[in-house]
Amino acid sequence: MQTLTANLHLLMSAFYRPDINGRHKIILESRAFPSDHFAVESQLRHHGLSPETSMITVQSPFSQDNVLSTYDIMSVISTNAADTALILLPGIQYYTGQLLDIPVITAFAHKHGIFVIWDLAHAVGNVPLSLHAWDVDAAAWCTYKYLNGGPGCIGGLFVHERNSLVSKTITDANPGEGYTNRLAGWWGNDKSTRFAMANKFHPVVGAAGFQLSNPSVLDITSLSASLEVFQLAGGVKELRKKSLKLTGFLEELLNGMSEEDRAMFRIITPSDPDQRGAQLSILLEEGLLGGVMTELEKRSVIVDERKPDVIRVAPAPLYNTFGECVAFVEAFSKALETARKTKV
């Protein structure tokens, strides 16, 4: 349903209910993906609040790469608990590739009465998720990264059952009562009355009640085909086993490069496999990004860049091989050599 940022807005419109004299702040990480940051800022302004006073950003005082420890996050939550209404965090941080401890952070926020939304763009299809078991309030994700749905493919939404109940006593006389209010559309209306054209909203239980309109059949078909492949591969839990080996092997290869090469980059993703997914973020020496990316492209290597100086490398267990990890490191070494000469 919808795309990621639209889904985040739908969730915040339903569950962010600020009280300027009480809970009004939103906590997110300092290097949040720009669209998440913009969404939070716009929600605050929509409610007549200022990001300067109602947005709290988490950054680590101990990590130059802003890798956030669970302690860092909990400390910010504790400090701002009395006036925080909502937390928005990534399951996996897009820039560093760090996997956050979703169940522990969620439980800690709940002790302080704070609603938590998780952006799972880089987690879905990458690492196993047990959102209901972890007592997650709500989450949203896209499907064009590890799920291979294609650019702009339809997104996904999770809303815990306690936050999406619909009272059996809903009546046309009181259409706004008996469920959590949200921005609504006819696709979130119960199928039994959807085509009655009575203009009486009867919401569907669960995340389905947050749907707005008819989804694109091309998006649904693309995603369905990809999910069939995941099923044939044994699911995310099985793929995760290979992913741990692939990314660990790639890390070993990168750390084993020549001293001359190693002087030009470092890995900023946590080395602990339990704190990362498939991705390794490589921070290059200043000024090398453009040259390295150009050289990698010449060698038919497709990776991702995040300015100013990071390339993101993610061997996907569904289709990448250990041999391709070796090929990447060889190409990366040649790219560094060329960039080194060009810089001199």
C-alpha atoms as a PDB file:
ATOM      1  CA  MET A   1       0.000   0.000   0.000  1.00  0.00           C
ATOM      2  CA  GLN A   2       1.312   3.395  -1.056  1.00  0.00           C
ATOM      3  CA  THR A   3       5.047   4.088  -0.854  1.00  0.00           C
ATOM      4  CA  LEU A   4       7.234   4.373   2.227  1.00  0.00           C
ATOM      5  CA  THR A   5       7.054   8.070   3.043  1.00  0.00           C
ATOM      6  CA  ALA A   6       3.321   8.162   2.343  1.00  0.00           C
ATOM      7  CA  ASN A   7       2.868   5.246   4.736  1.00  0.00           C
ATOM      8  CA  LEU A   8       4.938   6.993   7.409  1.00  0.00           C
ATOM      9  CA  HIS A   9       2.682  10.017   7.065  1.00  0.00           C
ATOM     10  CA  LEU A  10      -0.390   7.784   7.398  1.00  0.00           C
ATOM     11  CA  LEU A  11       1.000   6.277  10.597  1.00  0.00           C
ATOM     12  CA  MET A  12       1.982   9.620  12.086  1.00  0.00           C
ATOM     13  CA  SER A  13      -1.386  11.128  11.209  1.00  0.00           C
ATOM     14  CA  ALA A  14      -3.025   8.363  13.244  1.00  0.00           C
ATOM     15  CA  PHE A  15      -0.625   7.969  16.152  1.00  0.00           C
ATOM     16  CA  TYR A  16       1.135  11.298  16.608  1.00  0.00           C
ATOM     17  CA  ARG A  17      -1.243  13.322  18.768  1.00  0.00           C
ATOM     18  CA  PRO A  18       0.871  16.096  20.281  1.00  0.00           C
ATOM     19  CA  ASP A  19      -0.009  18.060  23.391  1.00  0.00           C
ATOM     20  CA  ILE A  20       2.003  21.270  23.573  1.00  0.00           C
ATOM     21  CA  ASN A  21       1.600  21.257  27.346  1.00  0.00           C
ATOM     22  CA  GLY A  22       2.628  17.615  27.629  1.00  0.00           C
ATOM     23  CA  ARG A  23       3.950  15.105  25.117  1.00  0.00           C
ATOM     24  CA  HIS A  24       4.756  16.755  21.791  1.00  0.00           C
ATOM     25  CA  LYS A  25       8.307  15.748  20.814  1.00  0.00           C
ATOM     26  CA  ILE A  26       9.366  13.257  18.149  1.00  0.00           C
ATOM     27  CA  ILE A  27      12.692  11.432  18.494  1.00  0.00           C
ATOM     28  CA  LEU A  28      14.643  10.262  15.425  1.00  0.00           C
ATOM     29  CA  GLU A  29      18.307   9.688  14.644  1.00  0.00           C
ATOM     30  CA  SER A  30      20.430  12.693  13.668  1.00  0.00           C
ATOM     31  CA  ARG A  31      21.362  11.187  10.297  1.00  0.00           C
ATOM     32  CA  ALA A  32      17.919   9.918   9.416  1.00  0.00           C
ATOM     33  CA  PHE A  33      17.168   9.301   5.762  1.00  0.00           C
ATOM     34  CA  PRO A  34      16.198  12.749   4.385  1.00  0.00           C
ATOM     35  CA  SER A  35      12.651  11.716   3.465  1.00  0.00           C
ATOM     36  CA  ASP A  36      12.019  10.518   7.042  1.00  0.00           C
ATOM     37  CA  HIS A  37      13.473  13.759   8.367  1.00  0.00           C
ATOM     38  CA  PHE A  38      11.298  15.839   6.033  1.00  0.00           C
ATOM     39  CA  ALA A  39       8.224  13.812   6.974  1.00  0.00           C
ATOM     40  CA  VAL A  40       8.786  14.428  10.686  1.00  0.00           C
ATOM     41  CA  GLU A  41       9.440  18.134  10.194  1.00  0.00           C
ATOM     42  CA  SER A  42       6.310  18.526   8.073  1.00  0.00           C
ATOM     43  CA  GLN A  43       4.185  16.647  10.612  1.00  0.00           C
ATOM     44  CA  LEU A  44       5.405  18.974  13.347  1.00  0.00           C
ATOM     45  CA  ARG A  45       4.648  22.068  11.280  1.00  0.00           C
ATOM     46  CA  HIS A  46       1.272  20.599  10.325  1.00  0.00           C
ATOM     47  CA  HIS A  47       0.442  20.589  14.034  1.00  0.00           C
ATOM     48  CA  GLY A  48       1.697  24.147  14.476  1.00  0.00           C
ATOM     49  CA  LEU A  49       4.907  23.048  16.187  1.00  0.00           C
ATOM     50  CA  SER A  50       8.531  23.931  15.496  1.00  0.00           C
ATOM     51  CA  PRO A  51      11.187  21.300  14.724  1.00  0.00           C
ATOM     52  CA  GLU A  52      13.550  23.441  16.785  1.00  0.00           C
ATOM     53  CA  THR A  53      11.651  22.643  19.972  1.00  0.00           C
ATOM     54  CA  SER A  54       9.702  19.470  19.155  1.00  0.00           C
ATOM     55  CA  MET A  55      12.228  17.333  17.255  1.00  0.00           C
ATOM     56  CA  ILE A  56      14.946  15.493  19.181  1.00  0.00           C
ATOM     57  CA  THR A  57      17.774  13.845  17.249  1.00  0.00           C
ATOM     58  CA  VAL A  58      19.892  10.980  18.551  1.00  0.00           C
ATOM     59  CA  GLN A  59      23.614  11.001  17.916  1.00  0.00           C
ATOM     60  CA  SER A  60      26.403   9.108  19.570  1.00  0.00           C
ATOM     61  CA  PRO A  61      28.924  11.042  21.641  1.00  0.00           C
ATOM     62  CA  PHE A  62      31.308   8.113  21.306  1.00  0.00           C
ATOM     63  CA  SER A  63      31.234   7.247  17.573  1.00  0.00           C
ATOM     64  CA  GLN A  64      32.648   9.495  14.855  1.00  0.00           C
ATOM     65  CA  ASP A  65      30.549   7.544  12.344  1.00  0.00           C
ATOM     66  CA  ASN A  66      27.339   7.995  14.348  1.00  0.00           C
ATOM     67  CA  VAL A  67      26.885   4.295  14.952  1.00  0.00           C
ATOM     68  CA  LEU A  68      24.289   4.352  17.716  1.00  0.00           C
ATOM     69  CA  SER A  69      24.482   2.042  20.677  1.00  0.00           C
ATOM     70  CA  THR A  70      21.281   0.909  22.341  1.00  0.00           C
ATOM     71  CA  TYR A  71      22.506   2.856  25.364  1.00  0.00           C
ATOM     72  CA  ASP A  72      22.765   6.059  23.291  1.00  0.00           C
ATOM     73  CA  ILE A  73      19.155   5.699  22.184  1.00  0.00           C
ATOM     74  CA  MET A  74      17.860   4.782  25.633  1.00  0.00           C
ATOM     75  CA  SER A  75      19.641   7.763  27.164  1.00  0.00           C
ATOM     76  CA  VAL A  76      17.891  10.175  24.810  1.00  0.00           C
ATOM     77  CA  ILE A  77      14.549   8.480  25.461  1.00  0.00           C
ATOM     78  CA  SER A  78      15.041   8.716  29.228  1.00  0.00           C
ATOM     79  CA  THR A  79      16.045  12.374  29.083  1.00  0.00           C
ATOM     80  CA  ASN A  80      13.045  13.367  26.968  1.00  0.00           C
ATOM     81  CA  ALA A  81      10.461  10.808  28.097  1.00  0.00           C
ATOM     82  CA  ALA A  82       8.140  13.228  29.858  1.00  0.00           C
ATOM     83  CA  ASP A  83       7.410  15.250  26.730  1.00  0.00           C
ATOM     84  CA  THR A  84       7.966  12.739  23.914  1.00  0.00           C
ATOM     85  CA  ALA A  85       4.914  11.551  21.999  1.00  0.00           C
ATOM     86  CA  LEU A  86       6.540   9.473  19.257  1.00  0.00           C
ATOM     87  CA  ILE A  87       9.781   7.786  18.214  1.00  0.00           C
ATOM     88  CA  LEU A  88      10.714   7.076  14.584  1.00  0.00           C
ATOM     89  CA  LEU A  89      13.788   4.905  14.065  1.00  0.00           C
ATOM     90  CA  PRO A  90      15.208   2.711  11.297  1.00  0.00           C
ATOM     91  CA  GLY A  91      15.466  -1.040  11.669  1.00  0.00           C
ATOM     92  CA  ILE A  92      18.714  -0.760   9.731  1.00  0.00           C
ATOM     93  CA  GLN A  93      20.327   2.657   9.353  1.00  0.00           C
ATOM     94  CA  TYR A  94      20.597   3.457   5.659  1.00  0.00           C
ATOM     95  CA  TYR A  95      24.029   5.173   5.812  1.00  0.00           C
ATOM     96  CA  THR A  96      25.983   3.021   8.261  1.00  0.00           C
ATOM     97  CA  GLY A  97      24.172  -0.282   7.740  1.00  0.00           C
ATOM     98  CA  GLN A  98      23.733  -0.716  11.504  1.00  0.00           C
ATOM     99  CA  LEU A  99      20.937  -3.047  12.660  1.00  0.00           C
ATOM    100  CA  LEU A 100      19.241  -1.595  15.731  1.00  0.00           C
ATOM    101  CA  ASP A 101      17.918  -3.746  18.572  1.00  0.00           C
ATOM    102  CA  ILE A 102      14.241  -3.384  17.709  1.00  0.00           C
ATOM    103  CA  PRO A 103      12.695  -5.448  20.546  1.00  0.00           C
ATOM    104  CA  VAL A 104      14.836  -3.951  23.324  1.00  0.00           C
ATOM    105  CA  ILE A 105      14.376  -0.342  22.192  1.00  0.00           C
ATOM    106  CA  THR A 106      10.643  -0.864  21.678  1.00  0.00           C
ATOM    107  CA  ALA A 107      10.214  -2.344  25.156  1.00  0.00           C
ATOM    108  CA  PHE A 108      12.190   0.509  26.732  1.00  0.00           C
ATOM    109  CA  ALA A 109      10.078   3.133  24.949  1.00  0.00           C
ATOM    110  CA  HIS A 110       6.891   1.396  26.068  1.00  0.00           C
ATOM    111  CA  LYS A 111       8.022   1.608  29.700  1.00  0.00           C
ATOM    112  CA  HIS A 112       7.920   5.362  29.226  1.00  0.00           C
ATOM    113  CA  GLY A 113       4.567   5.275  27.455  1.00  0.00           C
ATOM    114  CA  ILE A 114       5.968   6.258  24.055  1.00  0.00           C
ATOM    115  CA  PHE A 115       4.640   5.017  20.707  1.00  0.00           C
ATOM    116  CA  VAL A 116       7.339   3.748  18.315  1.00  0.00           C
ATOM    117  CA  ILE A 117       7.262   3.582  14.518  1.00  0.00           C
ATOM    118  CA  TRP A 118       9.998   1.642  12.724  1.00  0.00           C
ATOM    119  CA  ASP A 119      11.198   2.398   9.195  1.00  0.00           C
ATOM    120  CA  LEU A 120      12.145  -1.034   7.875  1.00  0.00           C
ATOM    121  CA  ALA A 121      13.233  -0.021   4.365  1.00  0.00           C
ATOM    122  CA  HIS A 122      16.634  -1.690   4.717  1.00  0.00           C
ATOM    123  CA  ALA A 123      15.505  -4.497   7.018  1.00  0.00           C
ATOM    124  CA  VAL A 124      12.622  -6.170   5.161  1.00  0.00           C
ATOM    125  CA  GLY A 125      13.952  -9.024   3.044  1.00  0.00           C
ATOM    126  CA  ASN A 126      17.371  -8.541   4.635  1.00  0.00           C
ATOM    127  CA  VAL A 127      17.035  -9.794   8.219  1.00  0.00           C
ATOM    128  CA  PRO A 128      14.360 -11.871   9.995  1.00  0.00           C
ATOM    129  CA  LEU A 129      11.655  -9.754  11.624  1.00  0.00           C
ATOM    130  CA  SER A 130       9.093 -10.749  14.275  1.00  0.00           C
ATOM    131  CA  LEU A 131       7.175  -7.515  14.659  1.00  0.00           C
ATOM    132  CA  HIS A 132       4.195  -8.869  16.576  1.00  0.00           C
ATOM    133  CA  ALA A 133       6.345 -10.945  18.914  1.00  0.00           C
ATOM    134  CA  TRP A 134       8.534  -7.892  19.534  1.00  0.00           C
ATOM    135  CA  ASP A 135       5.424  -5.870  20.439  1.00  0.00           C
ATOM    136  CA  VAL A 136       6.165  -3.290  17.741  1.00  0.00           C
ATOM    137  CA  ASP A 137       3.515  -0.561  17.585  1.00  0.00           C
ATOM    138  CA  ALA A 138       3.748   0.144  13.872  1.00  0.00           C
ATOM    139  CA  ALA A 139       6.192  -0.073  10.982  1.00  0.00           C
ATOM    140  CA  ALA A 140       6.474   0.850   7.322  1.00  0.00           C
ATOM    141  CA  TRP A 141       8.774  -0.268   4.524  1.00  0.00           C
ATOM    142  CA  CYS A 142       9.412  -0.216   0.808  1.00  0.00           C
ATOM    143  CA  THR A 143       9.804  -3.323  -1.362  1.00  0.00           C
ATOM    144  CA  TYR A 144      12.333  -2.276  -3.995  1.00  0.00           C
ATOM    145  CA  LYS A 145      15.514  -2.935  -2.036  1.00  0.00           C
ATOM    146  CA  TYR A 146      16.038  -6.474  -0.742  1.00  0.00           C
ATOM    147  CA  LEU A 147      12.556  -7.593  -1.816  1.00  0.00           C
ATOM    148  CA  ASN A 148      13.411  -6.742  -5.449  1.00  0.00           C
ATOM    149  CA  GLY A 149       9.976  -5.358  -6.296  1.00  0.00           C
ATOM    150  CA  GLY A 150      11.430  -2.723  -8.610  1.00  0.00           C
ATOM    151  CA  PRO A 151      11.897   1.054  -8.222  1.00  0.00           C
ATOM    152  CA  GLY A 152       8.841   2.730  -6.726  1.00  0.00           C
ATOM    153  CA  CYS A 153       7.089  -0.574  -6.059  1.00  0.00           C
ATOM    154  CA  ILE A 154       4.263  -0.666  -3.536  1.00  0.00           C
ATOM    155  CA  GLY A 155       5.218  -0.350   0.128  1.00  0.00           C
ATOM    156  CA  GLY A 156       4.130  -2.220   3.229  1.00  0.00           C
ATOM    157  CA  LEU A 157       2.628  -1.383   6.593  1.00  0.00           C
ATOM    158  CA  PHE A 158       2.380  -3.113   9.977  1.00  0.00           C
ATOM    159  CA  VAL A 159       0.067  -1.950  12.740  1.00  0.00           C
ATOM    160  CA  HIS A 160      -0.136  -3.931  15.968  1.00  0.00           C
ATOM    161  CA  GLU A 161      -3.609  -5.334  16.586  1.00  0.00           C
ATOM    162  CA  ARG A 162      -4.048  -3.277  19.761  1.00  0.00           C
ATOM    163  CA  ASN A 163      -3.635  -0.131  17.667  1.00  0.00           C
ATOM    164  CA  SER A 164      -5.967  -1.203  14.879  1.00  0.00           C
ATOM    165  CA  LEU A 165      -8.980  -2.694  16.631  1.00  0.00           C
ATOM    166  CA  VAL A 166     -12.425  -1.930  15.313  1.00  0.00           C
ATOM    167  CA  SER A 167     -15.369  -1.989  17.690  1.00  0.00           C
ATOM    168  CA  LYS A 168     -18.276  -4.200  16.669  1.00  0.00           C
ATOM    169  CA  THR A 169     -20.577  -1.434  17.858  1.00  0.00           C
ATOM    170  CA  ILE A 170     -19.681   0.998  15.060  1.00  0.00           C
ATOM    171  CA  THR A 171     -22.863   2.461  13.653  1.00  0.00           C
ATOM    172  CA  ASP A 172     -23.685   4.847  10.866  1.00  0.00           C
ATOM    173  CA  ALA A 173     -25.028   7.198  13.500  1.00  0.00           C
ATOM    174  CA  ASN A 174     -21.548   7.494  15.059  1.00  0.00           C
ATOM    175  CA  PRO A 175     -19.148   6.809  12.169  1.00  0.00           C
ATOM    176  CA  GLY A 176     -16.128   8.397  13.839  1.00  0.00           C
ATOM    177  CA  GLU A 177     -16.218   6.230  16.948  1.00  0.00           C
ATOM    178  CA  GLY A 178     -15.044   2.706  17.655  1.00  0.00           C
ATOM    179  CA  TYR A 179     -11.667   2.756  15.928  1.00  0.00           C
ATOM    180  CA  THR A 180      -8.407   4.695  15.826  1.00  0.00           C
ATOM    181  CA  ASN A 181      -8.974   7.734  13.680  1.00  0.00           C
ATOM    182  CA  ARG A 182      -6.740   7.963  10.623  1.00  0.00           C
ATOM    183  CA  LEU A 183      -6.620   9.460   7.154  1.00  0.00           C
ATOM    184  CA  ALA A 184      -8.980   7.203   5.260  1.00  0.00           C
ATOM    185  CA  GLY A 185      -9.926   6.105   1.781  1.00  0.00           C
ATOM    186  CA  TRP A 186     -12.412   3.667   0.347  1.00  0.00           C
ATOM    187  CA  TRP A 187      -9.920   0.791   0.125  1.00  0.00           C
ATOM    188  CA  GLY A 188      -9.717   0.824   3.924  1.00  0.00           C
ATOM    189  CA  ASN A 189     -13.462   0.314   4.117  1.00  0.00           C
ATOM    190  CA  ASP A 190     -14.943  -3.118   4.816  1.00  0.00           C
ATOM    191  CA  LYS A 191     -15.439  -5.089   1.598  1.00  0.00           C
ATOM    192  CA  SER A 192     -19.043  -5.862   2.477  1.00  0.00           C
ATOM    193  CA  THR A 193     -19.980  -2.185   2.213  1.00  0.00           C
ATOM    194  CA  ARG A 194     -17.183  -0.792   0.030  1.00  0.00           C
ATOM    195  CA  PHE A 195     -19.367  -0.587  -3.058  1.00  0.00           C
ATOM    196  CA  ALA A 196     -22.534   0.471  -1.254  1.00  0.00           C
ATOM    197  CA  MET A 197     -21.612   4.081  -2.061  1.00  0.00           C
ATOM    198  CA  ALA A 198     -23.270   5.246   1.167  1.00  0.00           C
ATOM    199  CA  ASN A 199     -20.391   7.483   2.300  1.00  0.00           C
ATOM    200  CA  LYS A 200     -20.342   5.719   5.680  1.00  0.00           C
ATOM    201  CA  PHE A 201     -16.822   4.590   6.597  1.00  0.00           C
ATOM    202  CA  HIS A 202     -16.676   1.065   8.063  1.00  0.00           C
ATOM    203  CA  PRO A 203     -12.936   0.467   8.605  1.00  0.00           C
ATOM    204  CA  VAL A 204     -11.226  -2.873   8.160  1.00  0.00           C
ATOM    205  CA  VAL A 205      -9.439  -4.323  11.193  1.00  0.00           C
ATOM    206  CA  GLY A 206      -5.656  -4.133  11.128  1.00  0.00           C
ATOM    207  CA  ALA A 207      -3.213  -2.438   8.778  1.00  0.00           C
ATOM    208  CA  ALA A 208      -5.598  -3.078   5.882  1.00  0.00           C
ATOM    209  CA  GLY A 209      -7.816  -0.362   7.328  1.00  0.00           C
ATOM    210  CA  PHE A 210      -5.090   2.168   6.524  1.00  0.00           C
ATOM    211  CA  GLN A 211      -5.314   1.536   2.780  1.00  0.00           C
ATOM    212  CA  LEU A 212      -6.499   4.482   0.730  1.00  0.00           C
ATOM    213  CA  SER A 213      -7.226   3.431  -2.826  1.00  0.00           C
ATOM    214  CA  ASN A 214      -6.884   0.642  -5.375  1.00  0.00           C
ATOM    215  CA  PRO A 215      -3.222  -0.461  -5.643  1.00  0.00           C
ATOM    216  CA  SER A 216      -1.361  -0.720  -8.946  1.00  0.00           C
ATOM    217  CA  VAL A 217      -1.733  -4.194 -10.437  1.00  0.00           C
ATOM    218  CA  LEU A 218       1.745  -3.902 -11.983  1.00  0.00           C
ATOM    219  CA  ASP A 219       3.272  -3.220  -8.557  1.00  0.00           C
ATOM    220  CA  ILE A 220       1.379  -6.103  -6.977  1.00  0.00           C
ATOM    221  CA  THR A 221       2.401  -8.497  -9.754  1.00  0.00           C
ATOM    222  CA  SER A 222       6.053  -7.470  -9.547  1.00  0.00           C
ATOM    223  CA  LEU A 223       6.172  -7.914  -5.786  1.00  0.00           C
ATOM    224  CA  SER A 224       4.237 -11.178  -5.869  1.00  0.00           C
ATOM    225  CA  ALA A 225       6.713 -12.689  -8.327  1.00  0.00           C
ATOM    226  CA  SER A 226       9.634 -11.663  -6.126  1.00  0.00           C
ATOM    227  CA  LEU A 227       8.022 -13.090  -2.988  1.00  0.00           C
ATOM    228  CA  GLU A 228       7.531 -16.413  -4.774  1.00  0.00           C
ATOM    229  CA  VAL A 229      11.297 -16.526  -5.340  1.00  0.00           C
ATOM    230  CA  PHE A 230      11.892 -15.828  -1.648  1.00  0.00           C
ATOM    231  CA  GLN A 231       9.542 -18.662  -0.762  1.00  0.00           C
ATOM    232  CA  LEU A 232      11.365 -21.050  -3.094  1.00  0.00           C
ATOM    233  CA  ALA A 233      14.650 -20.035  -1.442  1.00  0.00           C
ATOM    234  CA  GLY A 234      13.325 -21.004   1.992  1.00  0.00           C
ATOM    235  CA  GLY A 235      12.423 -17.543   3.273  1.00  0.00           C
ATOM    236  CA  VAL A 236      14.402 -14.782   4.944  1.00  0.00           C
ATOM    237  CA  LYS A 237      15.610 -16.933   7.849  1.00  0.00           C
ATOM    238  CA  GLU A 238      17.358 -19.336   5.478  1.00  0.00           C
ATOM    239  CA  LEU A 239      18.739 -16.521   3.347  1.00  0.00           C
ATOM    240  CA  ARG A 240      20.057 -14.801   6.456  1.00  0.00           C
ATOM    241  CA  LYS A 241      22.310 -17.803   7.126  1.00  0.00           C
ATOM    242  CA  LYS A 242      23.995 -17.319   3.761  1.00  0.00           C
ATOM    243  CA  SER A 243      23.985 -13.543   4.173  1.00  0.00           C
ATOM    244  CA  LEU A 244      26.006 -13.761   7.382  1.00  0.00           C
ATOM    245  CA  LYS A 245      28.627 -15.836   5.581  1.00  0.00           C
ATOM    246  CA  LEU A 246      28.673 -13.632   2.471  1.00  0.00           C
ATOM    247  CA  THR A 247      29.030 -10.325   4.290  1.00  0.00           C
ATOM    248  CA  GLY A 248      31.529 -11.813   6.736  1.00  0.00           C
ATOM    249  CA  PHE A 249      33.588 -13.096   3.798  1.00  0.00           C
ATOM    250  CA  LEU A 250      33.450  -9.705   2.082  1.00  0.00           C
ATOM    251  CA  GLU A 251      34.548  -7.990   5.287  1.00  0.00           C
ATOM    252  CA  GLU A 252      37.478 -10.397   5.602  1.00  0.00           C
ATOM    253  CA  LEU A 253      38.527  -9.710   2.011  1.00  0.00           C
ATOM    254  CA  LEU A 254      38.362  -5.944   2.511  1.00  0.00           C
ATOM    255  CA  ASN A 255      40.367  -6.116   5.727  1.00  0.00           C
ATOM    256  CA  GLY A 256      42.955  -8.239   3.921  1.00  0.00           C
ATOM    257  CA  MET A 257      43.682  -5.699   1.198  1.00  0.00           C
ATOM    258  CA  SER A 258      47.098  -4.073   0.914  1.00  0.00           C
ATOM    259  CA  GLU A 259      48.185  -1.426   3.404  1.00  0.00           C
ATOM    260  CA  GLU A 260      48.204   1.100   0.579  1.00  0.00           C
ATOM    261  CA  ASP A 261      44.575   0.317  -0.221  1.00  0.00           C
ATOM    262  CA  ARG A 262      43.504   0.132   3.415  1.00  0.00           C
ATOM    263  CA  ALA A 263      44.863   3.625   4.036  1.00  0.00           C
ATOM    264  CA  MET A 264      42.215   4.968   1.657  1.00  0.00           C
ATOM    265  CA  PHE A 265      39.080   3.565   3.299  1.00  0.00           C
ATOM    266  CA  ARG A 266      37.542   2.064   6.400  1.00  0.00           C
ATOM    267  CA  ILE A 267      34.376   0.109   7.099  1.00  0.00           C
ATOM    268  CA  ILE A 268      31.944   2.062   9.289  1.00  0.00           C
ATOM    269  CA  THR A 269      29.328  -0.696   9.604  1.00  0.00           C
ATOM    270  CA  PRO A 270      29.547  -2.578  12.933  1.00  0.00           C
ATOM    271  CA  SER A 271      31.750  -5.660  12.710  1.00  0.00           C
ATOM    272  CA  ASP A 272      29.374  -7.609  14.969  1.00  0.00           C
ATOM    273  CA  PRO A 273      27.177  -9.679  12.589  1.00  0.00           C
ATOM    274  CA  ASP A 274      24.224  -9.287  14.965  1.00  0.00           C
ATOM    275  CA  GLN A 275      24.391  -5.514  14.494  1.00  0.00           C
ATOM    276  CA  ARG A 276      24.179  -5.436  10.715  1.00  0.00           C
ATOM    277  CA  GLY A 277      22.398  -6.908   7.715  1.00  0.00           C
ATOM    278  CA  ALA A 278      23.948  -7.625   4.330  1.00  0.00           C
ATOM    279  CA  GLN A 279      25.347  -4.122   3.865  1.00  0.00           C
ATOM    280  CA  LEU A 280      28.868  -2.880   4.494  1.00  0.00           C
ATOM    281  CA  SER A 281      29.333   0.888   4.304  1.00  0.00           C
ATOM    282  CA  ILE A 282      32.812   1.869   3.175  1.00  0.00           C
ATOM    283  CA  LEU A 283      34.001   5.367   4.051  1.00  0.00           C
ATOM    284  CA  LEU A 284      36.534   6.580   1.483  1.00  0.00           C
ATOM    285  CA  GLU A 285      39.286   9.104   1.919  1.00  0.00           C
ATOM    286  CA  GLU A 286      37.933  12.573   1.186  1.00  0.00           C
ATOM    287  CA  GLY A 287      37.651  13.380  -2.510  1.00  0.00           C
ATOM    288  CA  LEU A 288      37.795   9.797  -3.811  1.00  0.00           C
ATOM    289  CA  LEU A 289      34.103   8.942  -4.168  1.00  0.00           C
ATOM    290  CA  GLY A 290      33.544  10.171  -7.722  1.00  0.00           C
ATOM    291  CA  GLY A 291      36.705   8.596  -9.095  1.00  0.00           C
ATOM    292  CA  VAL A 292      36.173   5.255  -7.372  1.00  0.00           C
ATOM    293  CA  MET A 293      32.550   5.015  -8.533  1.00  0.00           C
ATOM    294  CA  THR A 294      33.567   5.815 -12.113  1.00  0.00           C
ATOM    295  CA  GLU A 295      36.232   3.113 -12.091  1.00  0.00           C
ATOM    296  CA  LEU A 296      33.882   0.535 -10.568  1.00  0.00           C
ATOM    297  CA  GLU A 297      31.274   1.262 -13.234  1.00  0.00           C
ATOM    298  CA  LYS A 298      33.910   0.773 -15.944  1.00  0.00           C
ATOM    299  CA  ARG A 299      34.460  -2.684 -14.484  1.00  0.00           C
ATOM    300  CA  SER A 300      30.710  -3.456 -14.491  1.00  0.00           C
ATOM    301  CA  VAL A 301      30.449  -3.294 -10.703  1.00  0.00           C
ATOM    302  CA  ILE A 302      27.188  -1.864  -9.390  1.00  0.00           C
ATOM    303  CA  VAL A 303      27.264  -0.501  -5.853  1.00  0.00           C
ATOM    304  CA  ASP A 304      25.637   2.509  -4.242  1.00  0.00           C
ATOM    305  CA  GLU A 305      27.107   5.862  -3.265  1.00  0.00           C
ATOM    306  CA  ARG A 306      26.043   8.127  -0.458  1.00  0.00           C
ATOM    307  CA  LYS A 307      27.720  11.510  -0.461  1.00  0.00           C
ATOM    308  CA  PRO A 308      30.035  12.804   0.616  1.00  0.00           C
ATOM    309  CA  ASP A 309      32.321   9.777   0.900  1.00  0.00           C
ATOM    310  CA  VAL A 310      30.494   6.455   1.379  1.00  0.00           C
ATOM    311  CA  ILE A 311      29.862   3.514  -0.912  1.00  0.00           C
ATOM    312  CA  ARG A 312      27.392   0.864   0.227  1.00  0.00           C
ATOM    313  CA  VAL A 313      28.144  -2.712  -0.743  1.00  0.00           C
ATOM    314  CA  ALA A 314      25.506  -5.351  -0.024  1.00  0.00           C
ATOM    315  CA  PRO A 315      26.019  -8.908  -1.278  1.00  0.00           C
ATOM    316  CA  ALA A 316      22.467 -10.216  -1.611  1.00  0.00           C
ATOM    317  CA  PRO A 317      22.228 -13.892  -0.599  1.00  0.00           C
ATOM    318  CA  LEU A 318      19.397 -14.500  -3.040  1.00  0.00           C
ATOM    319  CA  TYR A 319      21.657 -14.084  -6.063  1.00  0.00           C
ATOM    320  CA  ASN A 320      25.199 -12.946  -5.176  1.00  0.00           C
ATOM    321  CA  THR A 321      28.049 -15.441  -4.772  1.00  0.00           C
ATOM    322  CA  PHE A 322      31.293 -15.681  -2.841  1.00  0.00           C
ATOM    323  CA  GLY A 323      33.136 -15.451  -6.153  1.00  0.00           C
ATOM    324  CA  GLU A 324      31.450 -12.134  -6.836  1.00  0.00           C
ATOM    325  CA  CYS A 325      32.716 -10.855  -3.486  1.00  0.00           C
ATOM    326  CA  VAL A 326      36.242 -11.684  -4.627  1.00  0.00           C
ATOM    327  CA  ALA A 327      35.614 -10.004  -7.987  1.00  0.00           C
ATOM    328  CA  PHE A 328      34.336  -6.873  -6.252  1.00  0.00           C
ATOM    329  CA  VAL A 329      37.370  -6.541  -3.999  1.00  0.00           C
ATOM    330  CA  GLU A 330      39.700  -6.984  -6.986  1.00  0.00           C
ATOM    331  CA  ALA A 331      37.818  -4.278  -8.906  1.00  0.00           C
ATOM    332  CA  PHE A 332      37.742  -2.056  -5.817  1.00  0.00           C
ATOM    333  CA  SER A 333      41.512  -2.365  -5.429  1.00  0.00           C
ATOM    334  CA  LYS A 334      42.053  -1.334  -9.054  1.00  0.00           C
ATOM    335  CA  ALA A 335      39.618   1.554  -8.632  1.00  0.00           C
ATOM    336  CA  LEU A 336      41.518   2.756  -5.568  1.00  0.00           C
ATOM    337  CA  GLU A 337      44.808   2.498  -7.448  1.00  0.00           C
ATOM    338  CA  THR A 338      43.482   4.621 -10.311  1.00  0.00           C
ATOM    339  CA  ALA A 339      41.937   7.135  -7.925  1.00  0.00           C
ATOM    340  CA  ARG A 340      45.207   7.299  -6.008  1.00  0.00           C
ATOM    341  CA  LYS A 341      47.168   8.146  -9.164  1.00  0.00           C
ATOM    342  CA  THR A 342      44.577  10.682 -10.275  1.00  0.00           C
ATOM    343  CA  LYS A 343      44.631  12.387  -6.902  1.00  0.00           C
ATOM    344  CA  VAL A 344      48.433  12.651  -6.967  1.00  0.00           C
END
